Amino acid sequence: MCSTIPDEVFHVTSTPTDTPHRTIGRWEMSLTPSEYEASIRQHKVIDGPRLQCSRLEFDSAVTLVSSVPHGFVSVAISQSSVGRPTVNDHKLRPNEIIVLYSGEPVHYVCEPNETLFTLTTTMEHYVQCLEGHSTIDVLAGRNEHRFQVANFKLMQSAIEAINAHFIDASNTPLQQRSGSEISAVEDALLTSLLKALKPAGRSALRTPTRRKVAIEAIEYIHQNSKKALCMKALVRQLETTTRTLHHGFVETFGISPIAYVRNLRLANVRRDLICNTWPTVTETAMYWNFHHLSRFSKAYQDAYGEIPSETARRNAVRLSTSNR
């Protein structure tokens, strides 16, 4: 999470179905069925006439429902430490960005402790950047409202480009800038973002075997999340080598396969603790193959900012109250 003071903080609680949901800009928000309270921090990077860019930080799972304004293009990049955010019923891989334009709907389910970078600009501004700076056309390269980045380092570069302007905006408030200064920042931000997403060299021509293995691996992991997966088992199942799997996964998704397995198991534990699926924290941890309880508790706290028993206790009280 960012330590900088956000422009706005929104607190959301579960409400009856006939009560209007909270909105952030053009986003309509509601909580997912398993969550009952959430906090969203919004940091505005740019809020100009042609381009709006924000960083949204979520402490719980939240559903965002909206559509892109007519004549605009929207790009969103997720930073989720665990789990897979969902856009229009598709679970995103860590190397995918959301790409939408003029009138297209979006139904987005954020993960707990997720940061979402959103950039929306006019179609005219987008086309000008493509023509003037030879950047990539993410609208042409997307697949079902998403665009796959060839190398995870490109995703990191895109986020760094946004953060660089975020820091600059924090030092020089937008309201103190002239129209020409804001216009120049809009051009620089969109151009740097699109250039960061442009595949370099021959990576755009042919997908290396190691990346194909990584994509197979991540799908296998999600289909077999209840199994005690290890590197040896994954290598055997995918008929590859440890080196190919490890380097392909890190290059494509920015994380090792075993770390990804652990994060996914932690996300499943949290979901079960919120729903009170099992009588105790120990049984929940064991079900998801966490057999060293002190290490599990530390990993869970690092991921969610609280120990597992706090999650279980809070939701047990909530369920008890709702059943009265």
C-alpha atoms as a PDB file:
ATOM      1  CA  MET A   1       0.000   0.000   0.000  1.00  0.00           C
ATOM      2  CA  CYS A   2       1.095   3.557  -0.679  1.00  0.00           C
ATOM      3  CA  SER A   3       1.948   5.723   2.330  1.00  0.00           C
ATOM      4  CA  THR A   4       0.989   8.935   0.508  1.00  0.00           C
ATOM      5  CA  ILE A   5      -2.262  10.548   1.668  1.00  0.00           C
ATOM      6  CA  PRO A   6      -4.996   9.578  -0.833  1.00  0.00           C
ATOM      7  CA  ASP A   7      -7.245  12.123  -2.520  1.00  0.00           C
ATOM      8  CA  GLU A   8     -10.304  10.233  -1.295  1.00  0.00           C
ATOM      9  CA  VAL A   9     -11.063   7.278   0.978  1.00  0.00           C
ATOM     10  CA  PHE A  10     -14.322   5.373   0.453  1.00  0.00           C
ATOM     11  CA  HIS A  11     -15.779   3.038   3.059  1.00  0.00           C
ATOM     12  CA  VAL A  12     -18.299   0.510   1.773  1.00  0.00           C
ATOM     13  CA  THR A  13     -20.528  -1.812   3.774  1.00  0.00           C
ATOM     14  CA  SER A  14     -23.058  -4.403   2.630  1.00  0.00           C
ATOM     15  CA  THR A  15     -26.467  -2.874   1.922  1.00  0.00           C
ATOM     16  CA  PRO A  16     -29.905  -4.173   0.908  1.00  0.00           C
ATOM     17  CA  THR A  17     -30.282  -4.887  -2.810  1.00  0.00           C
ATOM     18  CA  ASP A  18     -32.641  -1.924  -3.266  1.00  0.00           C
ATOM     19  CA  THR A  19     -30.095   0.565  -1.857  1.00  0.00           C
ATOM     20  CA  PRO A  20     -27.979   2.494  -4.419  1.00  0.00           C
ATOM     21  CA  HIS A  21     -24.328   1.453  -4.526  1.00  0.00           C
ATOM     22  CA  ARG A  22     -21.447   3.841  -3.893  1.00  0.00           C
ATOM     23  CA  THR A  23     -19.713   5.327  -6.930  1.00  0.00           C
ATOM     24  CA  ILE A  24     -16.127   6.381  -7.673  1.00  0.00           C
ATOM     25  CA  GLY A  25     -16.140   8.518 -10.791  1.00  0.00           C
ATOM     26  CA  ARG A  26     -17.961   6.363 -13.336  1.00  0.00           C
ATOM     27  CA  TRP A  27     -17.485   3.155 -11.321  1.00  0.00           C
ATOM     28  CA  GLU A  28     -20.467   1.734  -9.443  1.00  0.00           C
ATOM     29  CA  MET A  29     -19.281  -0.327  -6.475  1.00  0.00           C
ATOM     30  CA  SER A  30     -20.740  -3.214  -4.555  1.00  0.00           C
ATOM     31  CA  LEU A  31     -19.295  -5.848  -2.231  1.00  0.00           C
ATOM     32  CA  THR A  32     -18.883  -9.458  -3.274  1.00  0.00           C
ATOM     33  CA  PRO A  33     -21.113 -11.931  -1.384  1.00  0.00           C
ATOM     34  CA  SER A  34     -18.267 -13.047   0.913  1.00  0.00           C
ATOM     35  CA  GLU A  35     -17.274  -9.541   2.037  1.00  0.00           C
ATOM     36  CA  TYR A  36     -19.189  -7.209   4.368  1.00  0.00           C
ATOM     37  CA  GLU A  37     -16.927  -4.202   4.720  1.00  0.00           C
ATOM     38  CA  ALA A  38     -14.305  -2.572   2.521  1.00  0.00           C
ATOM     39  CA  SER A  39     -12.093   0.485   2.283  1.00  0.00           C
ATOM     40  CA  ILE A  40     -10.965   1.950  -1.039  1.00  0.00           C
ATOM     41  CA  ARG A  41      -8.237   4.582  -1.290  1.00  0.00           C
ATOM     42  CA  GLN A  42      -8.134   6.656  -4.477  1.00  0.00           C
ATOM     43  CA  HIS A  43      -5.005   8.522  -5.562  1.00  0.00           C
ATOM     44  CA  LYS A  44      -5.575  10.774  -8.582  1.00  0.00           C
ATOM     45  CA  VAL A  45      -2.481  10.871 -10.779  1.00  0.00           C
ATOM     46  CA  ILE A  46      -3.987  13.067 -13.475  1.00  0.00           C
ATOM     47  CA  ASP A  47      -7.493  14.501 -13.792  1.00  0.00           C
ATOM     48  CA  GLY A  48      -7.241  16.518 -17.004  1.00  0.00           C
ATOM     49  CA  PRO A  49      -9.616  17.328 -19.867  1.00  0.00           C
ATOM     50  CA  ARG A  50      -8.321  14.522 -22.112  1.00  0.00           C
ATOM     51  CA  LEU A  51      -7.000  11.965 -19.648  1.00  0.00           C
ATOM     52  CA  GLN A  52      -7.835  10.712 -16.162  1.00  0.00           C
ATOM     53  CA  CYS A  53      -5.499   8.358 -14.290  1.00  0.00           C
ATOM     54  CA  SER A  54      -5.968   6.988 -10.772  1.00  0.00           C
ATOM     55  CA  ARG A  55      -4.573   4.398  -8.426  1.00  0.00           C
ATOM     56  CA  LEU A  56      -7.195   2.534  -6.410  1.00  0.00           C
ATOM     57  CA  GLU A  57      -6.193   0.496  -3.361  1.00  0.00           C
ATOM     58  CA  PHE A  58      -8.587  -2.126  -1.950  1.00  0.00           C
ATOM     59  CA  ASP A  59      -8.396  -3.886   1.405  1.00  0.00           C
ATOM     60  CA  SER A  60     -11.221  -6.341   0.569  1.00  0.00           C
ATOM     61  CA  ALA A  61     -12.879  -7.948  -2.422  1.00  0.00           C
ATOM     62  CA  VAL A  62     -15.022  -5.379  -4.226  1.00  0.00           C
ATOM     63  CA  THR A  63     -17.101  -5.598  -7.395  1.00  0.00           C
ATOM     64  CA  LEU A  64     -16.889  -2.639  -9.800  1.00  0.00           C
ATOM     65  CA  VAL A  65     -19.528  -2.274 -12.502  1.00  0.00           C
ATOM     66  CA  SER A  66     -19.397   0.359 -15.222  1.00  0.00           C
ATOM     67  CA  SER A  67     -18.839   0.992 -18.918  1.00  0.00           C
ATOM     68  CA  VAL A  68     -16.351   3.106 -20.837  1.00  0.00           C
ATOM     69  CA  PRO A  69     -17.719   6.552 -21.774  1.00  0.00           C
ATOM     70  CA  HIS A  70     -18.460   6.937 -25.482  1.00  0.00           C
ATOM     71  CA  GLY A  71     -15.444   8.241 -27.371  1.00  0.00           C
ATOM     72  CA  PHE A  72     -12.958   7.088 -24.702  1.00  0.00           C
ATOM     73  CA  VAL A  73     -10.380   4.316 -24.219  1.00  0.00           C
ATOM     74  CA  SER A  74      -9.648   2.747 -20.819  1.00  0.00           C
ATOM     75  CA  VAL A  75      -6.606   0.728 -19.749  1.00  0.00           C
ATOM     76  CA  ALA A  76      -6.355  -0.907 -16.319  1.00  0.00           C
ATOM     77  CA  ILE A  77      -3.435  -2.759 -14.724  1.00  0.00           C
ATOM     78  CA  SER A  78      -3.896  -4.889 -11.622  1.00  0.00           C
ATOM     79  CA  GLN A  79      -1.334  -5.524  -8.914  1.00  0.00           C
ATOM     80  CA  SER A  80      -2.762  -8.408  -6.925  1.00  0.00           C
ATOM     81  CA  SER A  81      -0.507 -10.125  -4.410  1.00  0.00           C
ATOM     82  CA  VAL A  82      -2.748 -13.213  -4.291  1.00  0.00           C
ATOM     83  CA  GLY A  83      -5.588 -14.695  -6.314  1.00  0.00           C
ATOM     84  CA  ARG A  84      -6.786 -13.674  -9.760  1.00  0.00           C
ATOM     85  CA  PRO A  85      -8.954 -10.580 -10.322  1.00  0.00           C
ATOM     86  CA  THR A  86     -11.942 -11.200 -12.604  1.00  0.00           C
ATOM     87  CA  VAL A  87     -12.963  -9.008 -15.543  1.00  0.00           C
ATOM     88  CA  ASN A  88     -16.176  -9.860 -17.420  1.00  0.00           C
ATOM     89  CA  ASP A  89     -16.147 -13.425 -16.024  1.00  0.00           C
ATOM     90  CA  HIS A  90     -12.506 -14.023 -17.042  1.00  0.00           C
ATOM     91  CA  LYS A  91      -9.902 -14.576 -14.340  1.00  0.00           C
ATOM     92  CA  LEU A  92      -6.888 -12.463 -15.241  1.00  0.00           C
ATOM     93  CA  ARG A  93      -3.411 -13.898 -15.360  1.00  0.00           C
ATOM     94  CA  PRO A  94      -0.688 -11.732 -13.807  1.00  0.00           C
ATOM     95  CA  ASN A  95       0.547 -10.656 -17.276  1.00  0.00           C
ATOM     96  CA  GLU A  96      -2.799  -9.392 -18.589  1.00  0.00           C
ATOM     97  CA  ILE A  97      -4.135  -5.840 -18.647  1.00  0.00           C
ATOM     98  CA  ILE A  98      -7.715  -4.722 -19.209  1.00  0.00           C
ATOM     99  CA  VAL A  99      -8.345  -2.823 -22.446  1.00  0.00           C
ATOM    100  CA  LEU A 100     -11.774  -1.340 -23.184  1.00  0.00           C
ATOM    101  CA  TYR A 101     -13.162   1.384 -25.410  1.00  0.00           C
ATOM    102  CA  SER A 102     -16.288   3.426 -26.170  1.00  0.00           C
ATOM    103  CA  GLY A 103     -19.374   1.948 -24.561  1.00  0.00           C
ATOM    104  CA  GLU A 104     -17.947  -1.462 -23.646  1.00  0.00           C
ATOM    105  CA  PRO A 105     -19.182  -2.748 -20.267  1.00  0.00           C
ATOM    106  CA  VAL A 106     -16.932  -3.988 -17.495  1.00  0.00           C
ATOM    107  CA  HIS A 107     -17.727  -6.132 -14.473  1.00  0.00           C
ATOM    108  CA  TYR A 108     -14.564  -6.282 -12.367  1.00  0.00           C
ATOM    109  CA  VAL A 109     -14.042  -8.210  -9.127  1.00  0.00           C
ATOM    110  CA  CYS A 110     -10.979  -6.989  -7.237  1.00  0.00           C
ATOM    111  CA  GLU A 111      -8.892  -9.148  -4.942  1.00  0.00           C
ATOM    112  CA  PRO A 112      -8.203  -8.229  -1.291  1.00  0.00           C
ATOM    113  CA  ASN A 113      -5.086  -6.061  -0.898  1.00  0.00           C
ATOM    114  CA  GLU A 114      -5.108  -5.266  -4.606  1.00  0.00           C
ATOM    115  CA  THR A 115      -3.942  -2.068  -6.305  1.00  0.00           C
ATOM    116  CA  LEU A 116      -5.657  -1.154  -9.572  1.00  0.00           C
ATOM    117  CA  PHE A 117      -4.182   1.455 -11.916  1.00  0.00           C
ATOM    118  CA  THR A 118      -6.779   2.944 -14.283  1.00  0.00           C
ATOM    119  CA  LEU A 119      -6.192   5.288 -17.228  1.00  0.00           C
ATOM    120  CA  THR A 120      -9.010   6.673 -19.381  1.00  0.00           C
ATOM    121  CA  THR A 121      -8.400   8.980 -22.332  1.00  0.00           C
ATOM    122  CA  THR A 122     -10.238  10.276 -25.385  1.00  0.00           C
ATOM    123  CA  MET A 123     -10.118   8.167 -28.550  1.00  0.00           C
ATOM    124  CA  GLU A 124      -8.677  11.172 -30.352  1.00  0.00           C
ATOM    125  CA  HIS A 125      -5.817  11.484 -27.863  1.00  0.00           C
ATOM    126  CA  TYR A 126      -5.151   7.757 -28.079  1.00  0.00           C
ATOM    127  CA  VAL A 127      -4.922   7.831 -31.891  1.00  0.00           C
ATOM    128  CA  GLN A 128      -2.627  10.881 -31.775  1.00  0.00           C
ATOM    129  CA  CYS A 129      -0.214   9.000 -29.494  1.00  0.00           C
ATOM    130  CA  LEU A 130      -0.223   5.975 -31.798  1.00  0.00           C
ATOM    131  CA  GLU A 131       0.532   8.072 -34.863  1.00  0.00           C
ATOM    132  CA  GLY A 132       3.034  10.419 -33.258  1.00  0.00           C
ATOM    133  CA  HIS A 133       5.114   8.013 -31.165  1.00  0.00           C
ATOM    134  CA  SER A 134       4.875   4.608 -32.879  1.00  0.00           C
ATOM    135  CA  THR A 135       3.451   2.985 -29.753  1.00  0.00           C
ATOM    136  CA  ILE A 136       1.592  -0.307 -29.591  1.00  0.00           C
ATOM    137  CA  ASP A 137      -2.133  -0.444 -30.377  1.00  0.00           C
ATOM    138  CA  VAL A 138      -3.473  -2.382 -27.398  1.00  0.00           C
ATOM    139  CA  LEU A 139      -6.972  -2.321 -28.855  1.00  0.00           C
ATOM    140  CA  ALA A 140      -5.763  -4.344 -31.840  1.00  0.00           C
ATOM    141  CA  GLY A 141      -3.721  -6.741 -29.713  1.00  0.00           C
ATOM    142  CA  ARG A 142      -6.251  -7.536 -27.014  1.00  0.00           C
ATOM    143  CA  ASN A 143      -8.239 -10.734 -26.531  1.00  0.00           C
ATOM    144  CA  GLU A 144     -11.691 -10.611 -24.928  1.00  0.00           C
ATOM    145  CA  HIS A 145     -11.210  -7.254 -23.183  1.00  0.00           C
ATOM    146  CA  ARG A 146      -7.673  -8.110 -22.170  1.00  0.00           C
ATOM    147  CA  PHE A 147      -4.172  -7.744 -23.561  1.00  0.00           C
ATOM    148  CA  GLN A 148      -1.376 -10.188 -22.749  1.00  0.00           C
ATOM    149  CA  VAL A 149       2.005  -8.616 -22.093  1.00  0.00           C
ATOM    150  CA  ALA A 150       4.822 -10.719 -23.563  1.00  0.00           C
ATOM    151  CA  ASN A 151       7.178 -10.180 -20.627  1.00  0.00           C
ATOM    152  CA  PHE A 152       6.211  -9.294 -17.060  1.00  0.00           C
ATOM    153  CA  LYS A 153       9.005  -6.697 -16.963  1.00  0.00           C
ATOM    154  CA  LEU A 154       6.964  -4.698 -19.479  1.00  0.00           C
ATOM    155  CA  MET A 155       4.080  -4.699 -16.998  1.00  0.00           C
ATOM    156  CA  GLN A 156       6.420  -3.466 -14.265  1.00  0.00           C
ATOM    157  CA  SER A 157       7.722  -0.724 -16.574  1.00  0.00           C
ATOM    158  CA  ALA A 158       4.156   0.405 -17.273  1.00  0.00           C
ATOM    159  CA  ILE A 159       3.405   0.641 -13.542  1.00  0.00           C
ATOM    160  CA  GLU A 160       6.670   2.520 -12.951  1.00  0.00           C
ATOM    161  CA  ALA A 161       5.650   4.998 -15.659  1.00  0.00           C
ATOM    162  CA  ILE A 162       2.385   5.695 -13.833  1.00  0.00           C
ATOM    163  CA  ASN A 163       4.091   5.893 -10.429  1.00  0.00           C
ATOM    164  CA  ALA A 164       6.649   8.375 -11.762  1.00  0.00           C
ATOM    165  CA  HIS A 165       3.856  10.758 -12.734  1.00  0.00           C
ATOM    166  CA  PHE A 166       2.044  10.016  -9.475  1.00  0.00           C
ATOM    167  CA  ILE A 167       5.059  11.197  -7.493  1.00  0.00           C
ATOM    168  CA  ASP A 168       5.342  14.283  -9.705  1.00  0.00           C
ATOM    169  CA  ALA A 169       1.638  15.038  -9.219  1.00  0.00           C
ATOM    170  CA  SER A 170       2.066  14.719  -5.448  1.00  0.00           C
ATOM    171  CA  ASN A 171       4.851  17.310  -5.493  1.00  0.00           C
ATOM    172  CA  THR A 172       2.992  19.705  -7.802  1.00  0.00           C
ATOM    173  CA  PRO A 173      -0.795  19.734  -7.222  1.00  0.00           C
ATOM    174  CA  LEU A 174      -2.838  19.543 -10.431  1.00  0.00           C
ATOM    175  CA  GLN A 175      -4.843  22.630  -9.582  1.00  0.00           C
ATOM    176  CA  GLN A 176      -1.636  24.698  -9.596  1.00  0.00           C
ATOM    177  CA  ARG A 177      -0.676  23.695 -13.158  1.00  0.00           C
ATOM    178  CA  SER A 178      -1.450  25.526 -16.356  1.00  0.00           C
ATOM    179  CA  GLY A 179      -3.497  23.974 -19.150  1.00  0.00           C
ATOM    180  CA  SER A 180      -0.404  23.463 -21.299  1.00  0.00           C
ATOM    181  CA  GLU A 181       1.448  21.759 -18.439  1.00  0.00           C
ATOM    182  CA  ILE A 182      -1.425  19.337 -17.835  1.00  0.00           C
ATOM    183  CA  SER A 183      -1.632  18.626 -21.580  1.00  0.00           C
ATOM    184  CA  ALA A 184       2.100  17.851 -21.709  1.00  0.00           C
ATOM    185  CA  VAL A 185       1.783  15.475 -18.739  1.00  0.00           C
ATOM    186  CA  GLU A 186      -1.191  13.738 -20.390  1.00  0.00           C
ATOM    187  CA  ASP A 187       0.847  13.152 -23.550  1.00  0.00           C
ATOM    188  CA  ALA A 188       3.896  11.920 -21.635  1.00  0.00           C
ATOM    189  CA  LEU A 189       1.908   9.575 -19.388  1.00  0.00           C
ATOM    190  CA  LEU A 190      -0.078   7.875 -22.158  1.00  0.00           C
ATOM    191  CA  THR A 191       2.968   7.594 -24.428  1.00  0.00           C
ATOM    192  CA  SER A 192       5.223   6.144 -21.710  1.00  0.00           C
ATOM    193  CA  LEU A 193       2.514   3.651 -20.706  1.00  0.00           C
ATOM    194  CA  LEU A 194       1.949   2.399 -24.258  1.00  0.00           C
ATOM    195  CA  LYS A 195       5.686   2.235 -24.991  1.00  0.00           C
ATOM    196  CA  ALA A 196       6.259   0.233 -21.822  1.00  0.00           C
ATOM    197  CA  LEU A 197       3.730  -2.331 -23.055  1.00  0.00           C
ATOM    198  CA  LYS A 198       5.349  -2.649 -26.474  1.00  0.00           C
ATOM    199  CA  PRO A 199       7.156  -6.013 -26.901  1.00  0.00           C
ATOM    200  CA  ALA A 200      10.871  -5.513 -27.533  1.00  0.00           C
ATOM    201  CA  GLY A 201      12.925  -7.176 -30.275  1.00  0.00           C
ATOM    202  CA  ARG A 202      11.921 -10.629 -31.488  1.00  0.00           C
ATOM    203  CA  SER A 203       9.667 -11.349 -28.515  1.00  0.00           C
ATOM    204  CA  ALA A 204       6.715 -10.144 -30.594  1.00  0.00           C
ATOM    205  CA  LEU A 205       7.428 -12.662 -33.355  1.00  0.00           C
ATOM    206  CA  ARG A 206       7.503 -16.002 -31.583  1.00  0.00           C
ATOM    207  CA  THR A 207       6.445 -17.193 -28.144  1.00  0.00           C
ATOM    208  CA  PRO A 208       9.367 -18.993 -26.442  1.00  0.00           C
ATOM    209  CA  THR A 209       8.725 -22.529 -25.195  1.00  0.00           C
ATOM    210  CA  ARG A 210       9.310 -21.496 -21.577  1.00  0.00           C
ATOM    211  CA  ARG A 211       6.407 -19.026 -21.733  1.00  0.00           C
ATOM    212  CA  LYS A 212       4.094 -21.642 -23.215  1.00  0.00           C
ATOM    213  CA  VAL A 213       5.075 -23.939 -20.344  1.00  0.00           C
ATOM    214  CA  ALA A 214       4.351 -21.141 -17.840  1.00  0.00           C
ATOM    215  CA  ILE A 215       0.834 -20.627 -19.238  1.00  0.00           C
ATOM    216  CA  GLU A 216       0.158 -24.368 -19.054  1.00  0.00           C
ATOM    217  CA  ALA A 217       1.522 -24.403 -15.513  1.00  0.00           C
ATOM    218  CA  ILE A 218      -0.653 -21.574 -14.184  1.00  0.00           C
ATOM    219  CA  GLU A 219      -3.799 -23.201 -15.547  1.00  0.00           C
ATOM    220  CA  TYR A 220      -2.813 -26.577 -14.063  1.00  0.00           C
ATOM    221  CA  ILE A 221      -2.143 -24.939 -10.691  1.00  0.00           C
ATOM    222  CA  HIS A 222      -5.625 -23.408 -10.561  1.00  0.00           C
ATOM    223  CA  GLN A 223      -7.290 -26.637 -11.646  1.00  0.00           C
ATOM    224  CA  ASN A 224      -5.458 -28.565  -8.921  1.00  0.00           C
ATOM    225  CA  SER A 225      -5.225 -26.015  -6.112  1.00  0.00           C
ATOM    226  CA  LYS A 226      -6.251 -28.580  -3.468  1.00  0.00           C
ATOM    227  CA  LYS A 227      -3.268 -30.784  -4.244  1.00  0.00           C
ATOM    228  CA  ALA A 228       0.059 -30.478  -2.412  1.00  0.00           C
ATOM    229  CA  LEU A 229       1.873 -29.165  -5.486  1.00  0.00           C
ATOM    230  CA  CYS A 230       5.649 -28.945  -5.525  1.00  0.00           C
ATOM    231  CA  MET A 231       8.191 -28.085  -8.206  1.00  0.00           C
ATOM    232  CA  LYS A 232       8.989 -31.753  -8.860  1.00  0.00           C
ATOM    233  CA  ALA A 233       5.312 -32.604  -9.377  1.00  0.00           C
ATOM    234  CA  LEU A 234       4.783 -29.667 -11.732  1.00  0.00           C
ATOM    235  CA  VAL A 235       7.845 -30.546 -13.809  1.00  0.00           C
ATOM    236  CA  ARG A 236       6.701 -34.148 -14.105  1.00  0.00           C
ATOM    237  CA  GLN A 237       3.121 -33.203 -15.022  1.00  0.00           C
ATOM    238  CA  LEU A 238       4.178 -30.649 -17.667  1.00  0.00           C
ATOM    239  CA  GLU A 239       6.981 -32.853 -19.033  1.00  0.00           C
ATOM    240  CA  THR A 240       9.527 -30.050 -18.836  1.00  0.00           C
ATOM    241  CA  THR A 241      12.631 -29.114 -16.829  1.00  0.00           C
ATOM    242  CA  THR A 242      12.918 -27.234 -13.559  1.00  0.00           C
ATOM    243  CA  ARG A 243      14.905 -24.486 -15.251  1.00  0.00           C
ATOM    244  CA  THR A 244      12.404 -24.013 -18.091  1.00  0.00           C
ATOM    245  CA  LEU A 245       9.426 -23.912 -15.732  1.00  0.00           C
ATOM    246  CA  HIS A 246      11.030 -21.573 -13.192  1.00  0.00           C
ATOM    247  CA  HIS A 247      12.471 -19.051 -15.660  1.00  0.00           C
ATOM    248  CA  GLY A 248       9.374 -19.142 -17.869  1.00  0.00           C
ATOM    249  CA  PHE A 249       7.044 -18.499 -14.922  1.00  0.00           C
ATOM    250  CA  VAL A 250       9.134 -15.640 -13.527  1.00  0.00           C
ATOM    251  CA  GLU A 251       9.544 -14.070 -16.967  1.00  0.00           C
ATOM    252  CA  THR A 252       5.853 -14.345 -17.833  1.00  0.00           C
ATOM    253  CA  PHE A 253       4.161 -13.725 -14.482  1.00  0.00           C
ATOM    254  CA  GLY A 254       6.804 -12.039 -12.324  1.00  0.00           C
ATOM    255  CA  ILE A 255       6.786 -14.695  -9.588  1.00  0.00           C
ATOM    256  CA  SER A 256       8.123 -18.211  -9.081  1.00  0.00           C
ATOM    257  CA  PRO A 257       5.649 -21.090  -9.555  1.00  0.00           C
ATOM    258  CA  ILE A 258       5.973 -22.250  -5.937  1.00  0.00           C
ATOM    259  CA  ALA A 259       5.378 -18.731  -4.591  1.00  0.00           C
ATOM    260  CA  TYR A 260       2.317 -18.510  -6.827  1.00  0.00           C
ATOM    261  CA  VAL A 261       1.007 -21.831  -5.452  1.00  0.00           C
ATOM    262  CA  ARG A 262       1.458 -20.531  -1.894  1.00  0.00           C
ATOM    263  CA  ASN A 263      -0.345 -17.251  -2.691  1.00  0.00           C
ATOM    264  CA  LEU A 264      -3.241 -19.109  -4.257  1.00  0.00           C
ATOM    265  CA  ARG A 265      -3.562 -21.384  -1.226  1.00  0.00           C
ATOM    266  CA  LEU A 266      -3.534 -18.331   1.066  1.00  0.00           C
ATOM    267  CA  ALA A 267      -6.326 -16.756  -0.988  1.00  0.00           C
ATOM    268  CA  ASN A 268      -8.363 -19.948  -0.640  1.00  0.00           C
ATOM    269  CA  VAL A 269      -7.767 -20.002   3.111  1.00  0.00           C
ATOM    270  CA  ARG A 270      -8.993 -16.418   3.426  1.00  0.00           C
ATOM    271  CA  ARG A 271     -12.134 -17.182   1.436  1.00  0.00           C
ATOM    272  CA  ASP A 272     -12.923 -20.154   3.701  1.00  0.00           C
ATOM    273  CA  LEU A 273     -12.223 -18.155   6.877  1.00  0.00           C
ATOM    274  CA  ILE A 274     -14.580 -15.394   5.725  1.00  0.00           C
ATOM    275  CA  CYS A 275     -17.296 -17.950   4.930  1.00  0.00           C
ATOM    276  CA  ASN A 276     -16.585 -20.004   8.086  1.00  0.00           C
ATOM    277  CA  THR A 277     -16.313 -23.112   5.923  1.00  0.00           C
ATOM    278  CA  TRP A 278     -14.401 -25.066   8.588  1.00  0.00           C
ATOM    279  CA  PRO A 279     -14.839 -25.041  12.388  1.00  0.00           C
ATOM    280  CA  THR A 280     -11.271 -23.881  13.167  1.00  0.00           C
ATOM    281  CA  VAL A 281      -8.348 -22.019  11.633  1.00  0.00           C
ATOM    282  CA  THR A 282      -6.197 -25.138  12.009  1.00  0.00           C
ATOM    283  CA  GLU A 283      -8.606 -27.281  10.010  1.00  0.00           C
ATOM    284  CA  THR A 284      -8.786 -24.603   7.311  1.00  0.00           C
ATOM    285  CA  ALA A 285      -5.003 -24.366   7.076  1.00  0.00           C
ATOM    286  CA  MET A 286      -4.603 -28.129   6.950  1.00  0.00           C
ATOM    287  CA  TYR A 287      -7.220 -28.469   4.221  1.00  0.00           C
ATOM    288  CA  TRP A 288      -5.162 -26.155   2.010  1.00  0.00           C
ATOM    289  CA  ASN A 289      -1.930 -28.012   2.794  1.00  0.00           C
ATOM    290  CA  PHE A 290      -0.435 -25.599   5.339  1.00  0.00           C
ATOM    291  CA  HIS A 291       1.001 -28.029   7.897  1.00  0.00           C
ATOM    292  CA  HIS A 292       3.514 -25.706   9.597  1.00  0.00           C
ATOM    293  CA  LEU A 293       1.061 -23.442  11.419  1.00  0.00           C
ATOM    294  CA  SER A 294       3.452 -20.723  12.610  1.00  0.00           C
ATOM    295  CA  ARG A 295       4.860 -20.247   9.098  1.00  0.00           C
ATOM    296  CA  PHE A 296       1.315 -20.242   7.725  1.00  0.00           C
ATOM    297  CA  SER A 297       0.208 -17.562  10.191  1.00  0.00           C
ATOM    298  CA  LYS A 298       3.194 -15.346   9.281  1.00  0.00           C
ATOM    299  CA  ALA A 299       2.585 -15.736   5.521  1.00  0.00           C
ATOM    300  CA  TYR A 300      -1.115 -14.959   5.967  1.00  0.00           C
ATOM    301  CA  GLN A 301      -0.389 -11.844   8.021  1.00  0.00           C
ATOM    302  CA  ASP A 302       2.136 -10.627   5.437  1.00  0.00           C
ATOM    303  CA  ALA A 303      -0.488 -11.035   2.700  1.00  0.00           C
ATOM    304  CA  TYR A 304      -3.557  -9.636   4.477  1.00  0.00           C
ATOM    305  CA  GLY A 305      -2.347  -7.473   7.337  1.00  0.00           C
ATOM    306  CA  GLU A 306      -3.972  -9.587  10.057  1.00  0.00           C
ATOM    307  CA  ILE A 307      -3.491 -13.037  11.557  1.00  0.00           C
ATOM    308  CA  PRO A 308      -5.891 -15.821  10.448  1.00  0.00           C
ATOM    309  CA  SER A 309      -7.698 -15.981  13.779  1.00  0.00           C
ATOM    310  CA  GLU A 310      -8.651 -12.294  13.476  1.00  0.00           C
ATOM    311  CA  THR A 311     -10.283 -12.961  10.106  1.00  0.00           C
ATOM    312  CA  ALA A 312     -12.140 -15.975  11.485  1.00  0.00           C
ATOM    313  CA  ARG A 313     -13.250 -14.199  14.684  1.00  0.00           C
ATOM    314  CA  ARG A 314     -14.522 -11.103  12.889  1.00  0.00           C
ATOM    315  CA  ASN A 315     -16.598 -13.104  10.433  1.00  0.00           C
ATOM    316  CA  ALA A 316     -17.865 -15.510  13.094  1.00  0.00           C
ATOM    317  CA  VAL A 317     -19.281 -12.523  14.982  1.00  0.00           C
ATOM    318  CA  ARG A 318     -20.808 -11.169  11.781  1.00  0.00           C
ATOM    319  CA  LEU A 319     -22.476 -14.486  10.935  1.00  0.00           C
ATOM    320  CA  SER A 320     -23.781 -14.863  14.495  1.00  0.00           C
ATOM    321  CA  THR A 321     -25.309 -11.372  14.362  1.00  0.00           C
ATOM    322  CA  SER A 322     -26.882 -11.869  10.938  1.00  0.00           C
ATOM    323  CA  ASN A 323     -28.503 -15.169  11.994  1.00  0.00           C
ATOM    324  CA  ARG A 324     -30.332 -13.689  14.965  1.00  0.00           C
END
